[in-house]
Amino acid sequence: MLFSNALVRTPGHSVIDGIDDYANLGQTDYPTALAQHQAYVALLKDRGVTVTVLDPLEAFPDSCFVEDPAVVAADFAVITNPARASRTPERGFIRPALEHFYSQDHIFEITAPGHLEGGDVMEVDGTYYVGLSARTNREGFE
């Protein structure tokens, strides 16, 4: 098994107002999103993963995508600095959850002018790849 813990956030009703500038698929269907999330959590648990489920954050429609405000590794975590102003406040809500898994000196933060979104980061065999995008700039990469 590659990991034994997962951190997830239940989608709030506000997920229907989330950012949709990738696939232009229209408004999210809340009951479907909730059912998919519950199935995801059940699958992780079925595979022996300990799942920490965070409460929804109605004020932040995209907050169920916890991989964006934090990048985690076995021995450290990075709180990102999303480029979208609507996502930036999520940083303060993800930190307490990370503190259950990492000591203070193993939690790092990206600060302005750097922007980094976790969805632009991928780890393969101990090497981290970071894509520069509209959501991750050079300063965030560095």
C-alpha atoms as a PDB file:
ATOM      1  CA  MET A   1       0.000   0.000   0.000  1.00  0.00           C
ATOM      2  CA  LEU A   2       1.307   3.443  -0.885  1.00  0.00           C
ATOM      3  CA  PHE A   3      -0.399   5.275   1.965  1.00  0.00           C
ATOM      4  CA  SER A   4      -2.376   4.485   5.086  1.00  0.00           C
ATOM      5  CA  ASN A   5      -4.132   7.801   5.813  1.00  0.00           C
ATOM      6  CA  ALA A   6      -6.384  10.022   3.750  1.00  0.00           C
ATOM      7  CA  LEU A   7      -7.752  13.467   4.476  1.00  0.00           C
ATOM      8  CA  VAL A   8     -11.025  14.349   2.760  1.00  0.00           C
ATOM      9  CA  ARG A   9     -13.679  17.042   3.108  1.00  0.00           C
ATOM     10  CA  THR A  10     -17.355  16.353   2.562  1.00  0.00           C
ATOM     11  CA  PRO A  11     -18.770  18.555  -0.202  1.00  0.00           C
ATOM     12  CA  GLY A  12     -21.129  21.230   1.023  1.00  0.00           C
ATOM     13  CA  HIS A  13     -24.331  22.207  -0.738  1.00  0.00           C
ATOM     14  CA  SER A  14     -22.385  25.176  -2.082  1.00  0.00           C
ATOM     15  CA  VAL A  15     -20.368  22.831  -4.343  1.00  0.00           C
ATOM     16  CA  ILE A  16     -22.970  23.658  -7.004  1.00  0.00           C
ATOM     17  CA  ASP A  17     -21.402  27.132  -7.168  1.00  0.00           C
ATOM     18  CA  GLY A  18     -17.824  25.862  -7.511  1.00  0.00           C
ATOM     19  CA  ILE A  19     -15.291  26.865 -10.144  1.00  0.00           C
ATOM     20  CA  ASP A  20     -16.116  25.372 -13.531  1.00  0.00           C
ATOM     21  CA  ASP A  21     -13.548  26.678 -15.950  1.00  0.00           C
ATOM     22  CA  TYR A  22     -11.950  23.362 -16.906  1.00  0.00           C
ATOM     23  CA  ALA A  23     -14.490  21.200 -18.660  1.00  0.00           C
ATOM     24  CA  ASN A  24     -17.519  23.514 -18.785  1.00  0.00           C
ATOM     25  CA  LEU A  25     -19.812  20.657 -17.783  1.00  0.00           C
ATOM     26  CA  GLY A  26     -22.347  22.904 -16.098  1.00  0.00           C
ATOM     27  CA  GLN A  27     -23.493  23.105 -12.517  1.00  0.00           C
ATOM     28  CA  THR A  28     -22.592  20.250 -10.186  1.00  0.00           C
ATOM     29  CA  ASP A  29     -25.455  18.052  -9.000  1.00  0.00           C
ATOM     30  CA  TYR A  30     -25.167  18.036  -5.192  1.00  0.00           C
ATOM     31  CA  PRO A  31     -26.773  14.638  -4.486  1.00  0.00           C
ATOM     32  CA  THR A  32     -24.514  13.021  -7.084  1.00  0.00           C
ATOM     33  CA  ALA A  33     -21.405  14.751  -5.726  1.00  0.00           C
ATOM     34  CA  LEU A  34     -22.264  13.656  -2.186  1.00  0.00           C
ATOM     35  CA  ALA A  35     -22.914  10.052  -3.267  1.00  0.00           C
ATOM     36  CA  GLN A  36     -19.640   9.951  -5.200  1.00  0.00           C
ATOM     37  CA  HIS A  37     -17.780  11.328  -2.190  1.00  0.00           C
ATOM     38  CA  GLN A  38     -19.337   8.749   0.135  1.00  0.00           C
ATOM     39  CA  ALA A  39     -18.420   5.952  -2.302  1.00  0.00           C
ATOM     40  CA  TYR A  40     -14.839   7.266  -2.469  1.00  0.00           C
ATOM     41  CA  VAL A  41     -14.532   7.270   1.334  1.00  0.00           C
ATOM     42  CA  ALA A  42     -16.029   3.772   1.539  1.00  0.00           C
ATOM     43  CA  LEU A  43     -13.575   2.478  -1.073  1.00  0.00           C
ATOM     44  CA  LEU A  44     -10.593   3.956   0.790  1.00  0.00           C
ATOM     45  CA  LYS A  45     -11.756   2.398   4.042  1.00  0.00           C
ATOM     46  CA  ASP A  46     -12.360  -0.916   2.308  1.00  0.00           C
ATOM     47  CA  ARG A  47      -8.718  -0.835   1.202  1.00  0.00           C
ATOM     48  CA  GLY A  48      -7.547  -0.362   4.793  1.00  0.00           C
ATOM     49  CA  VAL A  49      -6.946   3.375   4.656  1.00  0.00           C
ATOM     50  CA  THR A  50      -7.701   5.409   7.770  1.00  0.00           C
ATOM     51  CA  VAL A  51      -9.863   8.277   6.537  1.00  0.00           C
ATOM     52  CA  THR A  52     -10.206  11.600   8.328  1.00  0.00           C
ATOM     53  CA  VAL A  53     -13.390  13.261   7.087  1.00  0.00           C
ATOM     54  CA  LEU A  54     -13.558  17.020   7.551  1.00  0.00           C
ATOM     55  CA  ASP A  55     -16.851  18.863   7.755  1.00  0.00           C
ATOM     56  CA  PRO A  56     -18.103  20.801   4.729  1.00  0.00           C
ATOM     57  CA  LEU A  57     -17.202  24.477   4.414  1.00  0.00           C
ATOM     58  CA  GLU A  58     -20.290  26.048   2.877  1.00  0.00           C
ATOM     59  CA  ALA A  59     -18.551  29.396   2.421  1.00  0.00           C
ATOM     60  CA  PHE A  60     -16.013  27.742   0.116  1.00  0.00           C
ATOM     61  CA  PRO A  61     -17.677  25.786  -2.722  1.00  0.00           C
ATOM     62  CA  ASP A  62     -14.473  24.070  -3.890  1.00  0.00           C
ATOM     63  CA  SER A  63     -13.167  23.146  -0.443  1.00  0.00           C
ATOM     64  CA  CYS A  64     -13.915  19.442  -0.937  1.00  0.00           C
ATOM     65  CA  PHE A  65     -10.864  19.378  -3.207  1.00  0.00           C
ATOM     66  CA  VAL A  66      -8.393  19.216  -0.296  1.00  0.00           C
ATOM     67  CA  GLU A  67      -5.503  18.379  -2.611  1.00  0.00           C
ATOM     68  CA  ASP A  68      -5.457  22.001  -3.793  1.00  0.00           C
ATOM     69  CA  PRO A  69      -4.770  23.905  -0.534  1.00  0.00           C
ATOM     70  CA  ALA A  70      -2.256  21.325   0.714  1.00  0.00           C
ATOM     71  CA  VAL A  71       0.378  19.074  -0.787  1.00  0.00           C
ATOM     72  CA  VAL A  72       1.337  16.234   1.529  1.00  0.00           C
ATOM     73  CA  ALA A  73       4.227  13.805   1.610  1.00  0.00           C
ATOM     74  CA  ALA A  74       5.290  11.145   4.094  1.00  0.00           C
ATOM     75  CA  ASP A  75       7.304  13.533   6.244  1.00  0.00           C
ATOM     76  CA  PHE A  76       6.085  17.052   5.434  1.00  0.00           C
ATOM     77  CA  ALA A  77       3.133  19.090   4.200  1.00  0.00           C
ATOM     78  CA  VAL A  78       2.965  22.301   2.193  1.00  0.00           C
ATOM     79  CA  ILE A  79       0.044  24.662   2.560  1.00  0.00           C
ATOM     80  CA  THR A  80      -0.349  26.158  -0.850  1.00  0.00           C
ATOM     81  CA  ASN A  81      -1.338  29.666  -1.845  1.00  0.00           C
ATOM     82  CA  PRO A  82      -4.098  29.314  -4.438  1.00  0.00           C
ATOM     83  CA  ALA A  83      -4.225  31.967  -7.140  1.00  0.00           C
ATOM     84  CA  ARG A  84      -8.020  32.166  -6.937  1.00  0.00           C
ATOM     85  CA  ALA A  85      -9.008  34.561  -4.168  1.00  0.00           C
ATOM     86  CA  SER A  86     -12.083  32.423  -3.470  1.00  0.00           C
ATOM     87  CA  ARG A  87      -9.806  29.502  -2.488  1.00  0.00           C
ATOM     88  CA  THR A  88      -7.186  31.380  -0.453  1.00  0.00           C
ATOM     89  CA  PRO A  89      -9.104  31.332   2.885  1.00  0.00           C
ATOM     90  CA  GLU A  90      -9.176  27.522   2.788  1.00  0.00           C
ATOM     91  CA  ARG A  91      -5.538  27.626   3.930  1.00  0.00           C
ATOM     92  CA  GLY A  92      -6.619  28.449   7.475  1.00  0.00           C
ATOM     93  CA  PHE A  93      -9.042  25.542   7.595  1.00  0.00           C
ATOM     94  CA  ILE A  94      -6.657  22.886   6.265  1.00  0.00           C
ATOM     95  CA  ARG A  95      -3.830  23.681   8.672  1.00  0.00           C
ATOM     96  CA  PRO A  96      -5.524  22.304  11.848  1.00  0.00           C
ATOM     97  CA  ALA A  97      -6.214  19.047  10.025  1.00  0.00           C
ATOM     98  CA  LEU A  98      -2.580  18.773   8.937  1.00  0.00           C
ATOM     99  CA  GLU A  99      -1.398  19.397  12.492  1.00  0.00           C
ATOM    100  CA  HIS A 100      -2.854  16.001  13.446  1.00  0.00           C
ATOM    101  CA  PHE A 101      -0.351  14.338  11.115  1.00  0.00           C
ATOM    102  CA  TYR A 102       2.703  16.638  11.089  1.00  0.00           C
ATOM    103  CA  SER A 103       4.644  18.637  13.644  1.00  0.00           C
ATOM    104  CA  GLN A 104       4.729  22.421  13.208  1.00  0.00           C
ATOM    105  CA  ASP A 105       8.272  22.330  11.844  1.00  0.00           C
ATOM    106  CA  HIS A 106       7.189  19.949   9.084  1.00  0.00           C
ATOM    107  CA  ILE A 107       4.373  22.143   7.762  1.00  0.00           C
ATOM    108  CA  PHE A 108       5.506  24.751   5.258  1.00  0.00           C
ATOM    109  CA  GLU A 109       3.577  27.527   3.494  1.00  0.00           C
ATOM    110  CA  ILE A 110       3.730  29.133   0.085  1.00  0.00           C
ATOM    111  CA  THR A 111       3.319  32.907   0.421  1.00  0.00           C
ATOM    112  CA  ALA A 112       2.741  35.780  -1.992  1.00  0.00           C
ATOM    113  CA  PRO A 113       3.853  36.506  -4.581  1.00  0.00           C
ATOM    114  CA  GLY A 114       4.024  32.729  -4.974  1.00  0.00           C
ATOM    115  CA  HIS A 115       0.937  30.813  -6.025  1.00  0.00           C
ATOM    116  CA  LEU A 116       0.781  27.052  -5.979  1.00  0.00           C
ATOM    117  CA  GLU A 117      -2.217  24.787  -6.314  1.00  0.00           C
ATOM    118  CA  GLY A 118      -1.846  21.181  -5.275  1.00  0.00           C
ATOM    119  CA  GLY A 119      -3.553  19.944  -8.424  1.00  0.00           C
ATOM    120  CA  ASP A 120      -0.459  21.113 -10.323  1.00  0.00           C
ATOM    121  CA  VAL A 121       1.851  18.895  -8.243  1.00  0.00           C
ATOM    122  CA  MET A 122       2.575  15.234  -8.867  1.00  0.00           C
ATOM    123  CA  GLU A 123       5.016  12.937  -7.076  1.00  0.00           C
ATOM    124  CA  VAL A 124       6.530   9.976  -8.923  1.00  0.00           C
ATOM    125  CA  ASP A 125       9.112   7.777  -7.234  1.00  0.00           C
ATOM    126  CA  GLY A 126      10.284  10.548  -4.904  1.00  0.00           C
ATOM    127  CA  THR A 127      10.495  13.230  -7.604  1.00  0.00           C
ATOM    128  CA  TYR A 128       8.010  16.086  -7.531  1.00  0.00           C
ATOM    129  CA  TYR A 129       6.755  17.534 -10.795  1.00  0.00           C
ATOM    130  CA  VAL A 130       5.120  20.958 -10.702  1.00  0.00           C
ATOM    131  CA  GLY A 131       3.255  22.363 -13.655  1.00  0.00           C
ATOM    132  CA  LEU A 132       3.265  26.098 -14.261  1.00  0.00           C
ATOM    133  CA  SER A 133      -0.292  27.188 -14.971  1.00  0.00           C
ATOM    134  CA  ALA A 134      -2.841  29.911 -14.403  1.00  0.00           C
ATOM    135  CA  ARG A 135      -2.912  28.656 -10.797  1.00  0.00           C
ATOM    136  CA  THR A 136       0.772  27.986 -10.135  1.00  0.00           C
ATOM    137  CA  ASN A 137       3.389  30.615 -10.946  1.00  0.00           C
ATOM    138  CA  ARG A 138       7.183  30.545 -10.986  1.00  0.00           C
ATOM    139  CA  GLU A 139       7.462  31.917  -7.428  1.00  0.00           C
ATOM    140  CA  GLY A 140       5.120  29.206  -6.122  1.00  0.00           C
ATOM    141  CA  PHE A 141       7.102  26.592  -7.999  1.00  0.00           C
ATOM    142  CA  GLU A 142      10.375  27.756  -6.491  1.00  0.00           C
END
